[in-house]
Amino acid sequence: MGPPRIHIVGASGSGTSTLGAALAGQLGCPHFDVDPFFWLPTDPPFEKARPPEARLVLLNEALDSAPAWILSGSLCGWGDPLIPRFSLVVFLWLPAGVRLARLRERERLRYGSAAIDAGGSHHERYFKFIEWASAYDEGDLSIRSRRLHETWLASLDCPVLRLEGAMPTENQIATVMRRLTLP
């Protein structure tokens, strides 16, 4: 199979970054998250997308830096030129209630309660983000949705491992490691 070059994809809040970092630690290889490549650095973050061509240049440079790597996040469409580099794609899915609770807590830790509560400086962005994340399971192909991910996954030539439902990260790692040992 060669060195593992694993892409982990799923809805926001499904744990792609968490699993990516933990799996990279287990395998002793770098972990790259799509967000810093997708978004230009802004304050507050996640306000302005980098042009797709620039994202691909930066991601290819990062992936070229090591023979094995873990890449987490969604890159369906704009990142399709990277597909031939994947030796395995891991798809994570969690029920919406679990994902949204994680996202609410993450945003509260990231920005503070005062900023995201009604009247806070980040409240409108927070509300729009949660609304967007809530649409994942029922959304169409025009947004980051399960339908988009399923369509994309069906087009891949490399193996796809599905990890659906709540599972401790250690169990996810063990499942991926078992998959990597299969011929």
C-alpha atoms as a PDB file:
ATOM      1  CA  MET A   1       0.000   0.000   0.000  1.00  0.00           C
ATOM      2  CA  GLY A   2       2.946   2.380   0.510  1.00  0.00           C
ATOM      3  CA  PRO A   3       3.135   5.174   3.039  1.00  0.00           C
ATOM      4  CA  PRO A   4      -0.296   6.152   4.371  1.00  0.00           C
ATOM      5  CA  ARG A   5      -1.727   9.262   2.770  1.00  0.00           C
ATOM      6  CA  ILE A   6      -5.073   9.531   4.500  1.00  0.00           C
ATOM      7  CA  HIS A   7      -7.808  12.079   3.929  1.00  0.00           C
ATOM      8  CA  ILE A   8     -10.436  12.374   6.684  1.00  0.00           C
ATOM      9  CA  VAL A   9     -13.700  14.022   5.680  1.00  0.00           C
ATOM     10  CA  GLY A  10     -17.039  14.669   7.359  1.00  0.00           C
ATOM     11  CA  ALA A  11     -19.378  17.351   8.590  1.00  0.00           C
ATOM     12  CA  SER A  12     -18.148  20.231  10.678  1.00  0.00           C
ATOM     13  CA  GLY A  13     -18.042  18.953  14.254  1.00  0.00           C
ATOM     14  CA  SER A  14     -17.719  15.276  13.274  1.00  0.00           C
ATOM     15  CA  GLY A  15     -14.152  15.070  14.591  1.00  0.00           C
ATOM     16  CA  THR A  16     -12.060  15.108  11.415  1.00  0.00           C
ATOM     17  CA  SER A  17      -9.386  17.390  12.914  1.00  0.00           C
ATOM     18  CA  THR A  18      -9.335  15.527  16.222  1.00  0.00           C
ATOM     19  CA  LEU A  19      -8.931  12.147  14.534  1.00  0.00           C
ATOM     20  CA  GLY A  20      -6.423  13.590  12.072  1.00  0.00           C
ATOM     21  CA  ALA A  21      -4.131  14.939  14.792  1.00  0.00           C
ATOM     22  CA  ALA A  22      -4.402  11.768  16.894  1.00  0.00           C
ATOM     23  CA  LEU A  23      -3.817   9.453  13.924  1.00  0.00           C
ATOM     24  CA  ALA A  24      -0.820  11.499  12.782  1.00  0.00           C
ATOM     25  CA  GLY A  25       0.633  11.141  16.279  1.00  0.00           C
ATOM     26  CA  GLN A  26       0.086   7.390  16.169  1.00  0.00           C
ATOM     27  CA  LEU A  27       1.692   7.076  12.723  1.00  0.00           C
ATOM     28  CA  GLY A  28       4.463   9.626  13.343  1.00  0.00           C
ATOM     29  CA  CYS A  29       3.585  11.719  10.306  1.00  0.00           C
ATOM     30  CA  PRO A  30       2.366  15.282   9.775  1.00  0.00           C
ATOM     31  CA  HIS A  31      -1.270  16.287  10.079  1.00  0.00           C
ATOM     32  CA  PHE A  32      -2.633  19.009   7.832  1.00  0.00           C
ATOM     33  CA  ASP A  33      -6.066  20.549   8.287  1.00  0.00           C
ATOM     34  CA  VAL A  34      -7.767  22.040   5.235  1.00  0.00           C
ATOM     35  CA  ASP A  35      -8.930  25.227   7.019  1.00  0.00           C
ATOM     36  CA  PRO A  36      -5.594  27.131   7.025  1.00  0.00           C
ATOM     37  CA  PHE A  37      -5.254  26.390   3.307  1.00  0.00           C
ATOM     38  CA  PHE A  38      -8.870  27.293   2.502  1.00  0.00           C
ATOM     39  CA  TRP A  39      -9.102  30.495   4.552  1.00  0.00           C
ATOM     40  CA  LEU A  40      -6.933  33.587   4.379  1.00  0.00           C
ATOM     41  CA  PRO A  41      -5.702  34.686   7.818  1.00  0.00           C
ATOM     42  CA  THR A  42      -8.200  37.259   9.141  1.00  0.00           C
ATOM     43  CA  ASP A  43      -9.293  38.530  12.530  1.00  0.00           C
ATOM     44  CA  PRO A  44     -11.829  37.175  13.246  1.00  0.00           C
ATOM     45  CA  PRO A  45     -10.892  33.988  11.380  1.00  0.00           C
ATOM     46  CA  PHE A  46     -12.829  32.245   8.622  1.00  0.00           C
ATOM     47  CA  GLU A  47     -13.995  35.423   6.919  1.00  0.00           C
ATOM     48  CA  LYS A  48     -12.314  35.319   3.498  1.00  0.00           C
ATOM     49  CA  ALA A  49     -11.604  32.267   1.364  1.00  0.00           C
ATOM     50  CA  ARG A  50      -8.290  31.886  -0.440  1.00  0.00           C
ATOM     51  CA  PRO A  51      -8.619  31.442  -4.231  1.00  0.00           C
ATOM     52  CA  PRO A  52      -8.865  27.717  -5.132  1.00  0.00           C
ATOM     53  CA  GLU A  53      -5.668  27.735  -7.216  1.00  0.00           C
ATOM     54  CA  ALA A  54      -3.684  29.185  -4.299  1.00  0.00           C
ATOM     55  CA  ARG A  55      -5.148  26.587  -1.916  1.00  0.00           C
ATOM     56  CA  LEU A  56      -4.026  23.782  -4.196  1.00  0.00           C
ATOM     57  CA  VAL A  57      -0.508  25.170  -4.559  1.00  0.00           C
ATOM     58  CA  LEU A  58      -0.118  25.468  -0.786  1.00  0.00           C
ATOM     59  CA  LEU A  59      -1.638  22.040  -0.091  1.00  0.00           C
ATOM     60  CA  ASN A  60       0.507  20.323  -2.708  1.00  0.00           C
ATOM     61  CA  GLU A  61       3.623  21.925  -1.204  1.00  0.00           C
ATOM     62  CA  ALA A  62       2.622  20.720   2.267  1.00  0.00           C
ATOM     63  CA  LEU A  63       1.804  17.190   1.101  1.00  0.00           C
ATOM     64  CA  ASP A  64       5.071  17.033  -0.848  1.00  0.00           C
ATOM     65  CA  SER A  65       6.974  17.694   2.396  1.00  0.00           C
ATOM     66  CA  ALA A  66       6.484  14.137   3.732  1.00  0.00           C
ATOM     67  CA  PRO A  67       5.959  10.653   2.276  1.00  0.00           C
ATOM     68  CA  ALA A  68       3.099   9.916   4.708  1.00  0.00           C
ATOM     69  CA  TRP A  69       0.514  12.378   6.010  1.00  0.00           C
ATOM     70  CA  ILE A  70      -2.997  12.880   7.318  1.00  0.00           C
ATOM     71  CA  LEU A  71      -5.236  15.541   5.754  1.00  0.00           C
ATOM     72  CA  SER A  72      -8.476  16.458   7.508  1.00  0.00           C
ATOM     73  CA  GLY A  73     -11.377  18.594   6.340  1.00  0.00           C
ATOM     74  CA  SER A  74     -13.601  18.897   3.319  1.00  0.00           C
ATOM     75  CA  LEU A  75     -12.148  19.704  -0.095  1.00  0.00           C
ATOM     76  CA  CYS A  76     -14.831  18.282  -2.388  1.00  0.00           C
ATOM     77  CA  GLY A  77     -14.750  19.998  -5.750  1.00  0.00           C
ATOM     78  CA  TRP A  78     -11.918  22.489  -5.397  1.00  0.00           C
ATOM     79  CA  GLY A  79      -9.510  19.856  -4.038  1.00  0.00           C
ATOM     80  CA  ASP A  80     -10.320  17.090  -6.516  1.00  0.00           C
ATOM     81  CA  PRO A  81      -6.869  17.307  -8.176  1.00  0.00           C
ATOM     82  CA  LEU A  82      -5.510  15.867  -4.896  1.00  0.00           C
ATOM     83  CA  ILE A  83      -7.619  12.681  -5.079  1.00  0.00           C
ATOM     84  CA  PRO A  84      -4.913  10.573  -6.784  1.00  0.00           C
ATOM     85  CA  ARG A  85      -2.648  11.255  -3.794  1.00  0.00           C
ATOM     86  CA  PHE A  86      -4.992   9.553  -1.280  1.00  0.00           C
ATOM     87  CA  SER A  87      -4.282   5.972  -0.256  1.00  0.00           C
ATOM     88  CA  LEU A  88      -7.351   5.931   2.022  1.00  0.00           C
ATOM     89  CA  VAL A  89     -10.304   8.223   2.697  1.00  0.00           C
ATOM     90  CA  VAL A  90     -12.000   8.052   6.095  1.00  0.00           C
ATOM     91  CA  PHE A  91     -15.566   9.372   6.273  1.00  0.00           C
ATOM     92  CA  LEU A  92     -16.860  10.419   9.692  1.00  0.00           C
ATOM     93  CA  TRP A  93     -20.551  10.839  10.429  1.00  0.00           C
ATOM     94  CA  LEU A  94     -22.246  11.764  13.695  1.00  0.00           C
ATOM     95  CA  PRO A  95     -25.891  12.498  14.494  1.00  0.00           C
ATOM     96  CA  ALA A  96     -26.659  16.203  14.147  1.00  0.00           C
ATOM     97  CA  GLY A  97     -27.371  16.686  17.860  1.00  0.00           C
ATOM     98  CA  VAL A  98     -23.917  15.432  18.846  1.00  0.00           C
ATOM     99  CA  ARG A  99     -22.145  17.482  16.163  1.00  0.00           C
ATOM    100  CA  LEU A 100     -24.005  20.684  16.947  1.00  0.00           C
ATOM    101  CA  ALA A 101     -23.363  20.348  20.683  1.00  0.00           C
ATOM    102  CA  ARG A 102     -19.647  19.965  19.920  1.00  0.00           C
ATOM    103  CA  LEU A 103     -19.695  22.989  17.627  1.00  0.00           C
ATOM    104  CA  ARG A 104     -21.525  25.163  20.147  1.00  0.00           C
ATOM    105  CA  GLU A 105     -18.973  24.265  22.815  1.00  0.00           C
ATOM    106  CA  ARG A 106     -16.043  24.805  20.448  1.00  0.00           C
ATOM    107  CA  GLU A 107     -17.322  28.236  19.436  1.00  0.00           C
ATOM    108  CA  ARG A 108     -17.946  29.168  23.073  1.00  0.00           C
ATOM    109  CA  LEU A 109     -14.357  28.212  23.939  1.00  0.00           C
ATOM    110  CA  ARG A 110     -12.966  29.937  20.840  1.00  0.00           C
ATOM    111  CA  TYR A 111     -14.783  33.280  21.171  1.00  0.00           C
ATOM    112  CA  GLY A 112     -16.222  33.360  24.692  1.00  0.00           C
ATOM    113  CA  SER A 113     -19.842  33.350  25.814  1.00  0.00           C
ATOM    114  CA  ALA A 114     -20.147  37.130  25.782  1.00  0.00           C
ATOM    115  CA  ALA A 115     -19.135  37.279  22.114  1.00  0.00           C
ATOM    116  CA  ILE A 116     -21.535  34.611  20.834  1.00  0.00           C
ATOM    117  CA  ASP A 117     -24.551  35.284  23.061  1.00  0.00           C
ATOM    118  CA  ALA A 118     -27.330  37.595  21.810  1.00  0.00           C
ATOM    119  CA  GLY A 119     -25.920  41.086  21.418  1.00  0.00           C
ATOM    120  CA  GLY A 120     -22.333  39.832  21.398  1.00  0.00           C
ATOM    121  CA  SER A 121     -19.746  40.852  18.811  1.00  0.00           C
ATOM    122  CA  HIS A 122     -19.689  37.386  17.215  1.00  0.00           C
ATOM    123  CA  HIS A 123     -23.351  36.447  17.698  1.00  0.00           C
ATOM    124  CA  GLU A 124     -24.488  36.931  14.086  1.00  0.00           C
ATOM    125  CA  ARG A 125     -21.529  34.952  12.662  1.00  0.00           C
ATOM    126  CA  TYR A 126     -22.049  32.246  15.299  1.00  0.00           C
ATOM    127  CA  PHE A 127     -25.762  31.984  14.489  1.00  0.00           C
ATOM    128  CA  LYS A 128     -25.098  31.737  10.723  1.00  0.00           C
ATOM    129  CA  PHE A 129     -22.376  29.139  11.279  1.00  0.00           C
ATOM    130  CA  ILE A 130     -24.622  26.916  13.440  1.00  0.00           C
ATOM    131  CA  GLU A 131     -27.448  27.323  10.933  1.00  0.00           C
ATOM    132  CA  TRP A 132     -25.082  26.278   8.106  1.00  0.00           C
ATOM    133  CA  ALA A 133     -23.779  23.279  10.099  1.00  0.00           C
ATOM    134  CA  SER A 134     -27.363  22.239  10.904  1.00  0.00           C
ATOM    135  CA  ALA A 135     -28.121  21.816   7.206  1.00  0.00           C
ATOM    136  CA  TYR A 136     -25.480  19.104   6.635  1.00  0.00           C
ATOM    137  CA  ASP A 137     -27.684  15.990   6.784  1.00  0.00           C
ATOM    138  CA  GLU A 138     -30.489  17.381   4.607  1.00  0.00           C
ATOM    139  CA  GLY A 139     -28.559  19.796   2.373  1.00  0.00           C
ATOM    140  CA  ASP A 140     -28.229  19.513  -1.379  1.00  0.00           C
ATOM    141  CA  LEU A 141     -25.131  19.347  -3.566  1.00  0.00           C
ATOM    142  CA  SER A 142     -24.639  23.127  -3.486  1.00  0.00           C
ATOM    143  CA  ILE A 143     -23.375  23.109   0.122  1.00  0.00           C
ATOM    144  CA  ARG A 144     -21.088  20.995   2.303  1.00  0.00           C
ATOM    145  CA  SER A 145     -23.634  18.284   2.947  1.00  0.00           C
ATOM    146  CA  ARG A 146     -23.904  14.552   3.415  1.00  0.00           C
ATOM    147  CA  ARG A 147     -25.322  14.313  -0.107  1.00  0.00           C
ATOM    148  CA  LEU A 148     -22.242  16.118  -1.488  1.00  0.00           C
ATOM    149  CA  HIS A 149     -19.882  13.918   0.534  1.00  0.00           C
ATOM    150  CA  GLU A 150     -21.667  10.701  -0.472  1.00  0.00           C
ATOM    151  CA  THR A 151     -21.577  11.684  -4.150  1.00  0.00           C
ATOM    152  CA  TRP A 152     -17.889  12.549  -3.866  1.00  0.00           C
ATOM    153  CA  LEU A 153     -17.048   9.340  -1.969  1.00  0.00           C
ATOM    154  CA  ALA A 154     -18.788   7.240  -4.639  1.00  0.00           C
ATOM    155  CA  SER A 155     -16.484   8.730  -7.283  1.00  0.00           C
ATOM    156  CA  LEU A 156     -13.225   7.736  -5.550  1.00  0.00           C
ATOM    157  CA  ASP A 157     -10.924   4.966  -6.761  1.00  0.00           C
ATOM    158  CA  CYS A 158      -9.131   4.585  -3.420  1.00  0.00           C
ATOM    159  CA  PRO A 159     -10.515   2.655  -0.425  1.00  0.00           C
ATOM    160  CA  VAL A 160     -13.075   4.428   1.763  1.00  0.00           C
ATOM    161  CA  LEU A 161     -13.516   3.622   5.451  1.00  0.00           C
ATOM    162  CA  ARG A 162     -16.759   4.768   7.088  1.00  0.00           C
ATOM    163  CA  LEU A 163     -16.835   5.524  10.796  1.00  0.00           C
ATOM    164  CA  GLU A 164     -20.430   6.348  11.655  1.00  0.00           C
ATOM    165  CA  GLY A 165     -21.796   7.182  15.091  1.00  0.00           C
ATOM    166  CA  ALA A 166     -20.168   8.297  18.311  1.00  0.00           C
ATOM    167  CA  MET A 167     -16.933   6.418  18.967  1.00  0.00           C
ATOM    168  CA  PRO A 168     -13.942   7.297  21.156  1.00  0.00           C
ATOM    169  CA  THR A 169     -10.961   8.571  19.174  1.00  0.00           C
ATOM    170  CA  GLU A 170      -8.872   5.614  20.373  1.00  0.00           C
ATOM    171  CA  ASN A 171     -11.389   3.212  18.814  1.00  0.00           C
ATOM    172  CA  GLN A 172     -11.389   5.204  15.569  1.00  0.00           C
ATOM    173  CA  ILE A 173      -7.581   5.024  15.464  1.00  0.00           C
ATOM    174  CA  ALA A 174      -7.652   1.259  16.076  1.00  0.00           C
ATOM    175  CA  THR A 175     -10.174   0.803  13.238  1.00  0.00           C
ATOM    176  CA  VAL A 176      -8.064   2.877  10.825  1.00  0.00           C
ATOM    177  CA  MET A 177      -4.892   1.019  11.845  1.00  0.00           C
ATOM    178  CA  ARG A 178      -6.609  -2.333  11.182  1.00  0.00           C
ATOM    179  CA  ARG A 179      -7.710  -1.054   7.763  1.00  0.00           C
ATOM    180  CA  LEU A 180      -4.137  -0.013   6.956  1.00  0.00           C
ATOM    181  CA  THR A 181      -2.896  -3.557   7.556  1.00  0.00           C
ATOM    182  CA  LEU A 182      -5.320  -5.101   5.051  1.00  0.00           C
ATOM    183  CA  PRO A 183      -3.853  -6.005   1.648  1.00  0.00           C
END
